[in-house]
Amino acid sequence: MDEDFAASGTARVDPQVLRSLMKKSDLAGFIQLGSHLLALGASGLLLWTLWGSWWGVPVFIVHGALINWLYAAQHESSHDTVFRTRWLNEVLGRFTGFVLMYPRDYDRWQHFCHHRHTQDPERDAELLGRSRESRIWQALGLLGVTLWTYLAIRMAWHAFAGRRWPGGEESYFTDQQEKKVVAEARWHLAGYAAFIALSLALQTWAVVILWWAPMLATGWTHQIQNYIEHGGMPYVPDTWQNTRTMKTVAAVRWLSWGMVYHTAHHTYPGVPFHRLAALHAEICRVRGQQPVTVSYLPYWWRQIRMLVISPAN
């Protein structure tokens, strides 16, 4: 997904500069992924040690957030930009897709459609069906409830019905892709069943305590990023107008794998995560202006007030 999505007629990054920014690095990928997995291991060990005490509650939230934000790794692997070595991106995508119950092929092709048709309500895979959402449904979405419901139902449908979701919402799949999505869903469900069987055989709650419970309960920690990237932005084919950039601290930039520079990412999606800050700076220099930029807390305070104050549909 190396296309240039800069709006026609606007100042563009010099091709030579862009080529240098698009260079991938196995080392950068291993450092980012390794640090994320090390943090996960540390939080998991601490959670296991503190389980049953009130001290375990904040650790539970941190551990769950680290699991949910593994989607940043999956997202980058879908672009093949985590590692220079292509098969490493494939392995990482399979791993994170299984952990997050978000099969890689399904996510990758859906995400490709999202990039090709960002903020097109008729063709953007992330917008299809959104227009019918009530405010209560939107609030549940922010909490992560609808995300996990959506993923579970879609995976079960693909696995047991053996075909794409009815109604045209997955019309972007080719027939060959549909077959792969069905096979992928079946392997995922078989894998989860194996974990359940093993847990019952060993009489352990480790899978629930260290994986499923924190992941499902803290979906909101990643949903705040998902919603802020394009939510409420104009339905226009211009990344400078339909995508937001987030202003935040270094820890969140690390946790998001650079996706806070989301406008830059959507404009030149072939640039790897570790060069997005430099790409953002270069685009701003060339254009002479900043993209639409918000901070998390002020933005979500406004959104929550709107959900609470405005009557539900």
C-alpha atoms as a PDB file:
ATOM      1  CA  MET A   1       0.000   0.000   0.000  1.00  0.00           C
ATOM      2  CA  ASP A   2       2.543   2.539  -1.229  1.00  0.00           C
ATOM      3  CA  GLU A   3       0.135   4.864  -3.022  1.00  0.00           C
ATOM      4  CA  ASP A   4       0.338   8.624  -2.777  1.00  0.00           C
ATOM      5  CA  PHE A   5      -2.973   9.923  -1.404  1.00  0.00           C
ATOM      6  CA  ALA A   6      -1.995  13.598  -1.303  1.00  0.00           C
ATOM      7  CA  ALA A   7      -4.790  15.706  -2.760  1.00  0.00           C
ATOM      8  CA  SER A   8      -4.198  16.818  -6.328  1.00  0.00           C
ATOM      9  CA  GLY A   9      -3.141  20.409  -6.722  1.00  0.00           C
ATOM     10  CA  THR A  10      -1.481  20.592  -3.300  1.00  0.00           C
ATOM     11  CA  ALA A  11       2.197  20.878  -2.431  1.00  0.00           C
ATOM     12  CA  ARG A  12       3.772  17.425  -2.273  1.00  0.00           C
ATOM     13  CA  VAL A  13       6.820  15.979  -0.557  1.00  0.00           C
ATOM     14  CA  ASP A  14       9.824  15.804  -2.869  1.00  0.00           C
ATOM     15  CA  PRO A  15      10.054  12.284  -4.386  1.00  0.00           C
ATOM     16  CA  GLN A  16      13.686  11.847  -3.293  1.00  0.00           C
ATOM     17  CA  VAL A  17      12.853  12.855   0.278  1.00  0.00           C
ATOM     18  CA  LEU A  18       9.836  10.543   0.214  1.00  0.00           C
ATOM     19  CA  ARG A  19      11.941   7.611  -1.003  1.00  0.00           C
ATOM     20  CA  SER A  20      14.347   8.111   1.880  1.00  0.00           C
ATOM     21  CA  LEU A  21      11.448   8.231   4.358  1.00  0.00           C
ATOM     22  CA  MET A  22       9.981   5.016   2.935  1.00  0.00           C
ATOM     23  CA  LYS A  23      13.043   2.926   3.820  1.00  0.00           C
ATOM     24  CA  LYS A  24      12.050   0.081   6.125  1.00  0.00           C
ATOM     25  CA  SER A  25      14.202  -1.308   8.912  1.00  0.00           C
ATOM     26  CA  ASP A  26      14.222  -4.709  10.601  1.00  0.00           C
ATOM     27  CA  LEU A  27      16.135  -3.166  13.517  1.00  0.00           C
ATOM     28  CA  ALA A  28      13.543  -0.427  14.091  1.00  0.00           C
ATOM     29  CA  GLY A  29      10.791  -3.033  13.905  1.00  0.00           C
ATOM     30  CA  PHE A  30      12.462  -5.348  16.418  1.00  0.00           C
ATOM     31  CA  ILE A  31      13.130  -2.474  18.836  1.00  0.00           C
ATOM     32  CA  GLN A  32       9.519  -1.277  18.740  1.00  0.00           C
ATOM     33  CA  LEU A  33       7.962  -4.735  18.876  1.00  0.00           C
ATOM     34  CA  GLY A  34      10.459  -5.975  21.471  1.00  0.00           C
ATOM     35  CA  SER A  35       9.799  -3.034  23.781  1.00  0.00           C
ATOM     36  CA  HIS A  36       6.035  -3.542  23.455  1.00  0.00           C
ATOM     37  CA  LEU A  37       6.266  -7.267  24.216  1.00  0.00           C
ATOM     38  CA  LEU A  38       8.638  -6.657  27.123  1.00  0.00           C
ATOM     39  CA  ALA A  39       6.158  -4.183  28.606  1.00  0.00           C
ATOM     40  CA  LEU A  40       3.407  -6.752  28.129  1.00  0.00           C
ATOM     41  CA  GLY A  41       5.458  -9.443  29.824  1.00  0.00           C
ATOM     42  CA  ALA A  42       6.219  -7.184  32.782  1.00  0.00           C
ATOM     43  CA  SER A  43       2.598  -6.083  33.212  1.00  0.00           C
ATOM     44  CA  GLY A  44       1.410  -9.679  32.884  1.00  0.00           C
ATOM     45  CA  LEU A  45       3.810 -10.932  35.532  1.00  0.00           C
ATOM     46  CA  LEU A  46       2.815  -8.110  37.862  1.00  0.00           C
ATOM     47  CA  LEU A  47      -0.892  -8.738  37.226  1.00  0.00           C
ATOM     48  CA  TRP A  48      -0.507 -12.447  37.996  1.00  0.00           C
ATOM     49  CA  THR A  49       1.338 -11.594  41.205  1.00  0.00           C
ATOM     50  CA  LEU A  50      -1.208  -8.992  42.337  1.00  0.00           C
ATOM     51  CA  TRP A  51      -4.358 -10.810  41.177  1.00  0.00           C
ATOM     52  CA  GLY A  52      -7.042 -10.657  43.853  1.00  0.00           C
ATOM     53  CA  SER A  53      -5.813  -7.414  45.413  1.00  0.00           C
ATOM     54  CA  TRP A  54      -6.857  -3.830  44.735  1.00  0.00           C
ATOM     55  CA  TRP A  55      -3.304  -3.108  43.584  1.00  0.00           C
ATOM     56  CA  GLY A  56      -4.020  -5.364  40.663  1.00  0.00           C
ATOM     57  CA  VAL A  57      -6.741  -3.080  39.274  1.00  0.00           C
ATOM     58  CA  PRO A  58      -4.481  -0.394  37.717  1.00  0.00           C
ATOM     59  CA  VAL A  59      -2.124  -3.123  36.507  1.00  0.00           C
ATOM     60  CA  PHE A  60      -5.108  -4.891  34.918  1.00  0.00           C
ATOM     61  CA  ILE A  61      -5.959  -1.700  32.995  1.00  0.00           C
ATOM     62  CA  VAL A  62      -2.364  -1.113  31.871  1.00  0.00           C
ATOM     63  CA  HIS A  63      -1.971  -4.740  30.806  1.00  0.00           C
ATOM     64  CA  GLY A  64      -5.242  -4.654  28.886  1.00  0.00           C
ATOM     65  CA  ALA A  65      -4.258  -1.408  27.175  1.00  0.00           C
ATOM     66  CA  LEU A  66      -0.950  -2.913  26.076  1.00  0.00           C
ATOM     67  CA  ILE A  67      -2.821  -5.873  24.583  1.00  0.00           C
ATOM     68  CA  ASN A  68      -5.335  -3.667  22.776  1.00  0.00           C
ATOM     69  CA  TRP A  69      -2.643  -1.404  21.399  1.00  0.00           C
ATOM     70  CA  LEU A  70      -1.011  -4.417  19.778  1.00  0.00           C
ATOM     71  CA  TYR A  71      -3.401  -3.479  17.002  1.00  0.00           C
ATOM     72  CA  ALA A  72      -0.883  -0.769  16.118  1.00  0.00           C
ATOM     73  CA  ALA A  73       1.568  -3.583  15.339  1.00  0.00           C
ATOM     74  CA  GLN A  74      -1.070  -5.449  13.338  1.00  0.00           C
ATOM     75  CA  HIS A  75      -1.947  -2.293  11.444  1.00  0.00           C
ATOM     76  CA  GLU A  76       1.674  -1.684  10.513  1.00  0.00           C
ATOM     77  CA  SER A  77       2.158  -5.313   9.519  1.00  0.00           C
ATOM     78  CA  SER A  78      -0.811  -4.929   7.153  1.00  0.00           C
ATOM     79  CA  HIS A  79       1.159  -2.176   5.442  1.00  0.00           C
ATOM     80  CA  ASP A  80       4.309  -4.364   5.517  1.00  0.00           C
ATOM     81  CA  THR A  81       6.135  -1.490   7.209  1.00  0.00           C
ATOM     82  CA  VAL A  82       7.195  -2.983  10.553  1.00  0.00           C
ATOM     83  CA  PHE A  83      10.076  -4.951   9.049  1.00  0.00           C
ATOM     84  CA  ARG A  84      12.064  -4.735   5.856  1.00  0.00           C
ATOM     85  CA  THR A  85      11.903  -8.550   5.646  1.00  0.00           C
ATOM     86  CA  ARG A  86       8.443  -9.208   4.253  1.00  0.00           C
ATOM     87  CA  TRP A  87       7.725 -12.595   5.879  1.00  0.00           C
ATOM     88  CA  LEU A  88       8.345 -11.093   9.337  1.00  0.00           C
ATOM     89  CA  ASN A  89       5.418  -8.742   8.733  1.00  0.00           C
ATOM     90  CA  GLU A  90       3.295 -11.744   7.798  1.00  0.00           C
ATOM     91  CA  VAL A  91       4.193 -13.641  10.980  1.00  0.00           C
ATOM     92  CA  LEU A  92       3.565 -10.583  13.153  1.00  0.00           C
ATOM     93  CA  GLY A  93       0.195  -9.969  11.506  1.00  0.00           C
ATOM     94  CA  ARG A  94      -0.891 -13.566  12.088  1.00  0.00           C
ATOM     95  CA  PHE A  95       0.195 -13.424  15.720  1.00  0.00           C
ATOM     96  CA  THR A  96      -1.469 -10.112  16.581  1.00  0.00           C
ATOM     97  CA  GLY A  97      -4.569 -11.017  14.586  1.00  0.00           C
ATOM     98  CA  PHE A  98      -4.985 -14.162  16.664  1.00  0.00           C
ATOM     99  CA  VAL A  99      -4.352 -12.388  19.965  1.00  0.00           C
ATOM    100  CA  LEU A 100      -6.821  -9.613  19.144  1.00  0.00           C
ATOM    101  CA  MET A 101      -9.438 -11.916  17.580  1.00  0.00           C
ATOM    102  CA  TYR A 102      -9.094  -9.786  14.451  1.00  0.00           C
ATOM    103  CA  PRO A 103      -7.949 -12.130  11.646  1.00  0.00           C
ATOM    104  CA  ARG A 104      -5.113 -10.666   9.598  1.00  0.00           C
ATOM    105  CA  ASP A 105      -6.464 -11.211   6.085  1.00  0.00           C
ATOM    106  CA  TYR A 106      -9.896  -9.884   6.992  1.00  0.00           C
ATOM    107  CA  ASP A 107      -8.408  -6.825   8.672  1.00  0.00           C
ATOM    108  CA  ARG A 108      -5.850  -6.191   5.958  1.00  0.00           C
ATOM    109  CA  TRP A 109      -8.300  -6.169   3.052  1.00  0.00           C
ATOM    110  CA  GLN A 110     -10.826  -4.159   5.029  1.00  0.00           C
ATOM    111  CA  HIS A 111      -8.099  -1.661   5.926  1.00  0.00           C
ATOM    112  CA  PHE A 112      -6.929  -1.409   2.330  1.00  0.00           C
ATOM    113  CA  CYS A 113     -10.504  -0.484   1.362  1.00  0.00           C
ATOM    114  CA  HIS A 114     -10.508   2.125   4.141  1.00  0.00           C
ATOM    115  CA  HIS A 115      -7.364   3.757   2.733  1.00  0.00           C
ATOM    116  CA  ARG A 116      -8.611   3.715  -0.830  1.00  0.00           C
ATOM    117  CA  HIS A 117     -11.949   5.294   0.096  1.00  0.00           C
ATOM    118  CA  THR A 118     -11.344   7.182   3.337  1.00  0.00           C
ATOM    119  CA  GLN A 119     -14.481   8.994   4.543  1.00  0.00           C
ATOM    120  CA  ASP A 120     -16.547   7.845   1.586  1.00  0.00           C
ATOM    121  CA  PRO A 121     -19.732   6.678   3.375  1.00  0.00           C
ATOM    122  CA  GLU A 122     -20.632   4.415   0.443  1.00  0.00           C
ATOM    123  CA  ARG A 123     -17.247   2.689   0.045  1.00  0.00           C
ATOM    124  CA  ASP A 124     -15.077   3.166   3.166  1.00  0.00           C
ATOM    125  CA  ALA A 125     -15.154  -0.226   4.925  1.00  0.00           C
ATOM    126  CA  GLU A 126     -14.938   1.478   8.325  1.00  0.00           C
ATOM    127  CA  LEU A 127     -18.023   3.616   7.645  1.00  0.00           C
ATOM    128  CA  LEU A 128     -20.417   1.104   6.118  1.00  0.00           C
ATOM    129  CA  GLY A 129     -23.422   0.847   8.409  1.00  0.00           C
ATOM    130  CA  ARG A 130     -22.235   3.657  10.713  1.00  0.00           C
ATOM    131  CA  SER A 131     -24.959   6.064   9.615  1.00  0.00           C
ATOM    132  CA  ARG A 132     -27.564   3.895  11.367  1.00  0.00           C
ATOM    133  CA  GLU A 133     -25.823   3.959  14.745  1.00  0.00           C
ATOM    134  CA  SER A 134     -27.694   5.544  17.643  1.00  0.00           C
ATOM    135  CA  ARG A 135     -25.927   7.569  20.318  1.00  0.00           C
ATOM    136  CA  ILE A 136     -26.229   4.661  22.744  1.00  0.00           C
ATOM    137  CA  TRP A 137     -24.569   2.411  20.179  1.00  0.00           C
ATOM    138  CA  GLN A 138     -21.824   4.996  19.688  1.00  0.00           C
ATOM    139  CA  ALA A 139     -21.220   5.095  23.435  1.00  0.00           C
ATOM    140  CA  LEU A 140     -20.990   1.296  23.536  1.00  0.00           C
ATOM    141  CA  GLY A 141     -18.568   1.525  20.636  1.00  0.00           C
ATOM    142  CA  LEU A 142     -16.327   3.873  22.554  1.00  0.00           C
ATOM    143  CA  LEU A 143     -16.276   1.399  25.451  1.00  0.00           C
ATOM    144  CA  GLY A 144     -15.233  -1.348  23.049  1.00  0.00           C
ATOM    145  CA  VAL A 145     -18.412  -3.395  23.551  1.00  0.00           C
ATOM    146  CA  THR A 146     -19.600  -3.187  19.959  1.00  0.00           C
ATOM    147  CA  LEU A 147     -16.083  -3.824  18.632  1.00  0.00           C
ATOM    148  CA  TRP A 148     -15.785  -7.212  20.306  1.00  0.00           C
ATOM    149  CA  THR A 149     -19.381  -8.074  19.462  1.00  0.00           C
ATOM    150  CA  TYR A 150     -18.749  -7.165  15.835  1.00  0.00           C
ATOM    151  CA  LEU A 151     -15.542  -9.208  15.622  1.00  0.00           C
ATOM    152  CA  ALA A 152     -17.057 -12.277  17.303  1.00  0.00           C
ATOM    153  CA  ILE A 153     -20.209 -12.270  15.166  1.00  0.00           C
ATOM    154  CA  ARG A 154     -18.325 -11.682  11.920  1.00  0.00           C
ATOM    155  CA  MET A 155     -15.790 -14.396  12.674  1.00  0.00           C
ATOM    156  CA  ALA A 156     -18.530 -16.880  13.581  1.00  0.00           C
ATOM    157  CA  TRP A 157     -20.474 -15.987  10.435  1.00  0.00           C
ATOM    158  CA  HIS A 158     -17.463 -16.439   8.175  1.00  0.00           C
ATOM    159  CA  ALA A 159     -16.554 -19.740   9.853  1.00  0.00           C
ATOM    160  CA  PHE A 160     -19.993 -21.354   9.978  1.00  0.00           C
ATOM    161  CA  ALA A 161     -21.816 -19.752   7.053  1.00  0.00           C
ATOM    162  CA  GLY A 162     -18.760 -20.131   4.864  1.00  0.00           C
ATOM    163  CA  ARG A 163     -19.233 -16.831   3.050  1.00  0.00           C
ATOM    164  CA  ARG A 164     -18.956 -13.064   3.385  1.00  0.00           C
ATOM    165  CA  TRP A 165     -21.357 -10.999   5.488  1.00  0.00           C
ATOM    166  CA  PRO A 166     -24.716 -10.449   3.692  1.00  0.00           C
ATOM    167  CA  GLY A 167     -26.014  -7.038   2.676  1.00  0.00           C
ATOM    168  CA  GLY A 168     -23.081  -5.831   0.612  1.00  0.00           C
ATOM    169  CA  GLU A 169     -20.934  -4.506   3.476  1.00  0.00           C
ATOM    170  CA  GLU A 170     -18.095  -6.819   2.431  1.00  0.00           C
ATOM    171  CA  SER A 171     -18.476  -6.385  -1.316  1.00  0.00           C
ATOM    172  CA  TYR A 172     -14.843  -5.215  -1.480  1.00  0.00           C
ATOM    173  CA  PHE A 173     -13.705  -8.855  -1.031  1.00  0.00           C
ATOM    174  CA  THR A 174     -12.900 -10.763  -4.194  1.00  0.00           C
ATOM    175  CA  ASP A 175     -14.109 -14.369  -4.407  1.00  0.00           C
ATOM    176  CA  GLN A 176     -10.575 -15.609  -3.674  1.00  0.00           C
ATOM    177  CA  GLN A 177     -10.273 -13.303  -0.686  1.00  0.00           C
ATOM    178  CA  GLU A 178     -13.640 -14.496   0.603  1.00  0.00           C
ATOM    179  CA  LYS A 179     -12.364 -18.093   0.642  1.00  0.00           C
ATOM    180  CA  LYS A 180      -9.265 -17.055   2.591  1.00  0.00           C
ATOM    181  CA  VAL A 181     -11.321 -15.077   5.103  1.00  0.00           C
ATOM    182  CA  VAL A 182     -13.542 -18.115   5.713  1.00  0.00           C
ATOM    183  CA  ALA A 183     -10.556 -20.447   6.189  1.00  0.00           C
ATOM    184  CA  GLU A 184      -8.844 -17.918   8.447  1.00  0.00           C
ATOM    185  CA  ALA A 185     -11.931 -17.593  10.674  1.00  0.00           C
ATOM    186  CA  ARG A 186     -12.129 -21.362  11.050  1.00  0.00           C
ATOM    187  CA  TRP A 187      -8.486 -21.650  12.062  1.00  0.00           C
ATOM    188  CA  HIS A 188      -8.960 -18.872  14.603  1.00  0.00           C
ATOM    189  CA  LEU A 189     -11.965 -20.526  16.211  1.00  0.00           C
ATOM    190  CA  ALA A 190     -10.120 -23.845  16.303  1.00  0.00           C
ATOM    191  CA  GLY A 191      -7.202 -22.135  18.023  1.00  0.00           C
ATOM    192  CA  TYR A 192      -9.397 -20.513  20.665  1.00  0.00           C
ATOM    193  CA  ALA A 193     -11.139 -23.826  21.281  1.00  0.00           C
ATOM    194  CA  ALA A 194      -7.731 -25.420  21.813  1.00  0.00           C
ATOM    195  CA  PHE A 195      -6.839 -22.771  24.421  1.00  0.00           C
ATOM    196  CA  ILE A 196     -10.123 -23.403  26.231  1.00  0.00           C
ATOM    197  CA  ALA A 197      -9.583 -27.169  26.162  1.00  0.00           C
ATOM    198  CA  LEU A 198      -6.025 -26.793  27.457  1.00  0.00           C
ATOM    199  CA  SER A 199      -7.159 -24.464  30.236  1.00  0.00           C
ATOM    200  CA  LEU A 200      -9.818 -26.946  31.331  1.00  0.00           C
ATOM    201  CA  ALA A 201      -7.330 -29.808  31.244  1.00  0.00           C
ATOM    202  CA  LEU A 202      -4.813 -27.858  33.345  1.00  0.00           C
ATOM    203  CA  GLN A 203      -7.540 -26.290  35.505  1.00  0.00           C
ATOM    204  CA  THR A 204      -6.083 -22.816  35.078  1.00  0.00           C
ATOM    205  CA  TRP A 205      -7.593 -19.365  34.557  1.00  0.00           C
ATOM    206  CA  ALA A 206      -4.369 -17.957  33.105  1.00  0.00           C
ATOM    207  CA  VAL A 207      -5.830 -17.376  29.623  1.00  0.00           C
ATOM    208  CA  VAL A 208      -8.736 -15.407  31.103  1.00  0.00           C
ATOM    209  CA  ILE A 209      -6.675 -13.446  33.629  1.00  0.00           C
ATOM    210  CA  LEU A 210      -3.740 -12.583  31.385  1.00  0.00           C
ATOM    211  CA  TRP A 211      -5.451 -12.349  27.987  1.00  0.00           C
ATOM    212  CA  TRP A 212      -9.196 -12.312  27.441  1.00  0.00           C
ATOM    213  CA  ALA A 213     -10.464 -10.456  30.531  1.00  0.00           C
ATOM    214  CA  PRO A 214      -8.069  -7.474  30.374  1.00  0.00           C
ATOM    215  CA  MET A 215      -8.327  -7.274  26.591  1.00  0.00           C
ATOM    216  CA  LEU A 216     -12.134  -7.225  26.516  1.00  0.00           C
ATOM    217  CA  ALA A 217     -12.514  -4.918  29.525  1.00  0.00           C
ATOM    218  CA  THR A 218     -10.111  -2.243  28.283  1.00  0.00           C
ATOM    219  CA  GLY A 219     -11.100  -1.998  24.631  1.00  0.00           C
ATOM    220  CA  TRP A 220     -11.915   1.651  25.279  1.00  0.00           C
ATOM    221  CA  THR A 221      -8.191   2.450  25.700  1.00  0.00           C
ATOM    222  CA  HIS A 222      -7.708   1.867  21.985  1.00  0.00           C
ATOM    223  CA  GLN A 223     -11.144   2.949  20.805  1.00  0.00           C
ATOM    224  CA  ILE A 224     -10.368   6.514  21.832  1.00  0.00           C
ATOM    225  CA  GLN A 225      -7.717   6.439  19.093  1.00  0.00           C
ATOM    226  CA  ASN A 226      -9.937   4.718  16.525  1.00  0.00           C
ATOM    227  CA  TYR A 227     -12.739   7.227  16.894  1.00  0.00           C
ATOM    228  CA  ILE A 228     -10.552  10.299  16.943  1.00  0.00           C
ATOM    229  CA  GLU A 229      -8.735   9.536  13.676  1.00  0.00           C
ATOM    230  CA  HIS A 230     -11.699  10.248  11.366  1.00  0.00           C
ATOM    231  CA  GLY A 231     -14.818  10.603  13.512  1.00  0.00           C
ATOM    232  CA  GLY A 232     -16.914  13.585  12.467  1.00  0.00           C
ATOM    233  CA  MET A 233     -14.486  14.614   9.724  1.00  0.00           C
ATOM    234  CA  PRO A 234     -15.809  15.781   6.313  1.00  0.00           C
ATOM    235  CA  TYR A 235     -16.747  13.232   3.662  1.00  0.00           C
ATOM    236  CA  VAL A 236     -14.163  14.501   1.184  1.00  0.00           C
ATOM    237  CA  PRO A 237     -11.340  12.675  -0.681  1.00  0.00           C
ATOM    238  CA  ASP A 238      -8.549  14.748   0.871  1.00  0.00           C
ATOM    239  CA  THR A 239      -6.443  13.337   3.703  1.00  0.00           C
ATOM    240  CA  TRP A 240      -5.624  16.855   4.923  1.00  0.00           C
ATOM    241  CA  GLN A 241      -9.332  17.428   5.588  1.00  0.00           C
ATOM    242  CA  ASN A 242     -10.703  13.979   6.472  1.00  0.00           C
ATOM    243  CA  THR A 243      -8.055  12.792   8.972  1.00  0.00           C
ATOM    244  CA  ARG A 244      -6.851  14.086  12.338  1.00  0.00           C
ATOM    245  CA  THR A 245      -3.398  14.214  13.904  1.00  0.00           C
ATOM    246  CA  MET A 246      -3.097  13.780  17.675  1.00  0.00           C
ATOM    247  CA  LYS A 247      -0.975  15.960  19.938  1.00  0.00           C
ATOM    248  CA  THR A 248       0.189  13.868  22.878  1.00  0.00           C
ATOM    249  CA  VAL A 249       3.112  12.738  25.030  1.00  0.00           C
ATOM    250  CA  ALA A 250       6.033  10.513  24.036  1.00  0.00           C
ATOM    251  CA  ALA A 251       4.643   7.460  25.859  1.00  0.00           C
ATOM    252  CA  VAL A 252       1.463   7.511  23.752  1.00  0.00           C
ATOM    253  CA  ARG A 253       3.447   8.076  20.567  1.00  0.00           C
ATOM    254  CA  TRP A 254       5.384   4.912  21.457  1.00  0.00           C
ATOM    255  CA  LEU A 255       2.232   2.982  22.385  1.00  0.00           C
ATOM    256  CA  SER A 256       0.533   3.965  19.119  1.00  0.00           C
ATOM    257  CA  TRP A 257       3.541   3.080  16.974  1.00  0.00           C
ATOM    258  CA  GLY A 258       3.496   6.619  15.602  1.00  0.00           C
ATOM    259  CA  MET A 259      -0.142   6.453  14.485  1.00  0.00           C
ATOM    260  CA  VAL A 260      -0.823   9.760  16.232  1.00  0.00           C
ATOM    261  CA  TYR A 261       0.616  11.247  13.015  1.00  0.00           C
ATOM    262  CA  HIS A 262      -2.428   9.883  11.269  1.00  0.00           C
ATOM    263  CA  THR A 263      -2.785  12.556   8.605  1.00  0.00           C
ATOM    264  CA  ALA A 264       0.766  11.923   7.436  1.00  0.00           C
ATOM    265  CA  HIS A 265       0.122   8.175   7.467  1.00  0.00           C
ATOM    266  CA  HIS A 266      -2.999   8.457   5.314  1.00  0.00           C
ATOM    267  CA  THR A 267      -1.292  10.811   2.889  1.00  0.00           C
ATOM    268  CA  TYR A 268       1.706   8.528   2.339  1.00  0.00           C
ATOM    269  CA  PRO A 269       0.804   5.092   3.805  1.00  0.00           C
ATOM    270  CA  GLY A 270       3.992   3.460   2.495  1.00  0.00           C
ATOM    271  CA  VAL A 271       6.143   5.327   5.048  1.00  0.00           C
ATOM    272  CA  PRO A 272       7.003   3.090   8.036  1.00  0.00           C
ATOM    273  CA  PHE A 273       5.873   3.916  11.554  1.00  0.00           C
ATOM    274  CA  HIS A 274       9.314   5.020  12.782  1.00  0.00           C
ATOM    275  CA  ARG A 275       9.550   7.739  10.096  1.00  0.00           C
ATOM    276  CA  LEU A 276       6.079   9.250  10.528  1.00  0.00           C
ATOM    277  CA  ALA A 277       7.248  12.079  12.791  1.00  0.00           C
ATOM    278  CA  ALA A 278       9.775  13.127  10.141  1.00  0.00           C
ATOM    279  CA  LEU A 279       7.141  12.751   7.410  1.00  0.00           C
ATOM    280  CA  HIS A 280       4.698  14.885   9.399  1.00  0.00           C
ATOM    281  CA  ALA A 281       7.316  17.621   9.779  1.00  0.00           C
ATOM    282  CA  GLU A 282       8.178  17.500   6.069  1.00  0.00           C
ATOM    283  CA  ILE A 283       4.544  17.700   4.931  1.00  0.00           C
ATOM    284  CA  CYS A 284       3.944  20.669   7.236  1.00  0.00           C
ATOM    285  CA  ARG A 285       7.079  22.377   5.891  1.00  0.00           C
ATOM    286  CA  VAL A 286       6.046  21.851   2.270  1.00  0.00           C
ATOM    287  CA  ARG A 287       2.448  22.908   2.812  1.00  0.00           C
ATOM    288  CA  GLY A 288       3.256  25.691   5.243  1.00  0.00           C
ATOM    289  CA  GLN A 289       0.488  24.649   7.633  1.00  0.00           C
ATOM    290  CA  GLN A 290      -0.434  22.071  10.265  1.00  0.00           C
ATOM    291  CA  PRO A 291      -3.089  19.406   9.716  1.00  0.00           C
ATOM    292  CA  VAL A 292      -6.226  19.241  11.869  1.00  0.00           C
ATOM    293  CA  THR A 293      -4.673  18.497  15.264  1.00  0.00           C
ATOM    294  CA  VAL A 294      -6.347  17.693  18.574  1.00  0.00           C
ATOM    295  CA  SER A 295      -5.398  16.501  22.061  1.00  0.00           C
ATOM    296  CA  TYR A 296      -7.063  13.429  23.526  1.00  0.00           C
ATOM    297  CA  LEU A 297      -8.583  14.795  26.733  1.00  0.00           C
ATOM    298  CA  PRO A 298     -10.161  18.017  25.368  1.00  0.00           C
ATOM    299  CA  TYR A 299     -11.528  16.158  22.337  1.00  0.00           C
ATOM    300  CA  TRP A 300     -13.088  13.340  24.338  1.00  0.00           C
ATOM    301  CA  TRP A 301     -14.446  15.659  26.995  1.00  0.00           C
ATOM    302  CA  ARG A 302     -16.405  17.429  24.228  1.00  0.00           C
ATOM    303  CA  GLN A 303     -17.549  14.134  22.719  1.00  0.00           C
ATOM    304  CA  ILE A 304     -18.709  12.668  26.030  1.00  0.00           C
ATOM    305  CA  ARG A 305     -20.633  15.829  26.855  1.00  0.00           C
ATOM    306  CA  MET A 306     -22.368  15.597  23.469  1.00  0.00           C
ATOM    307  CA  LEU A 307     -23.314  11.955  24.077  1.00  0.00           C
ATOM    308  CA  VAL A 308     -24.607  12.696  27.582  1.00  0.00           C
ATOM    309  CA  ILE A 309     -26.365  15.990  26.921  1.00  0.00           C
ATOM    310  CA  SER A 310     -27.882  15.200  23.502  1.00  0.00           C
ATOM    311  CA  PRO A 311     -30.919  12.926  23.563  1.00  0.00           C
ATOM    312  CA  ALA A 312     -30.400   9.365  22.350  1.00  0.00           C
ATOM    313  CA  ASN A 313     -31.819   8.518  18.952  1.00  0.00           C
END
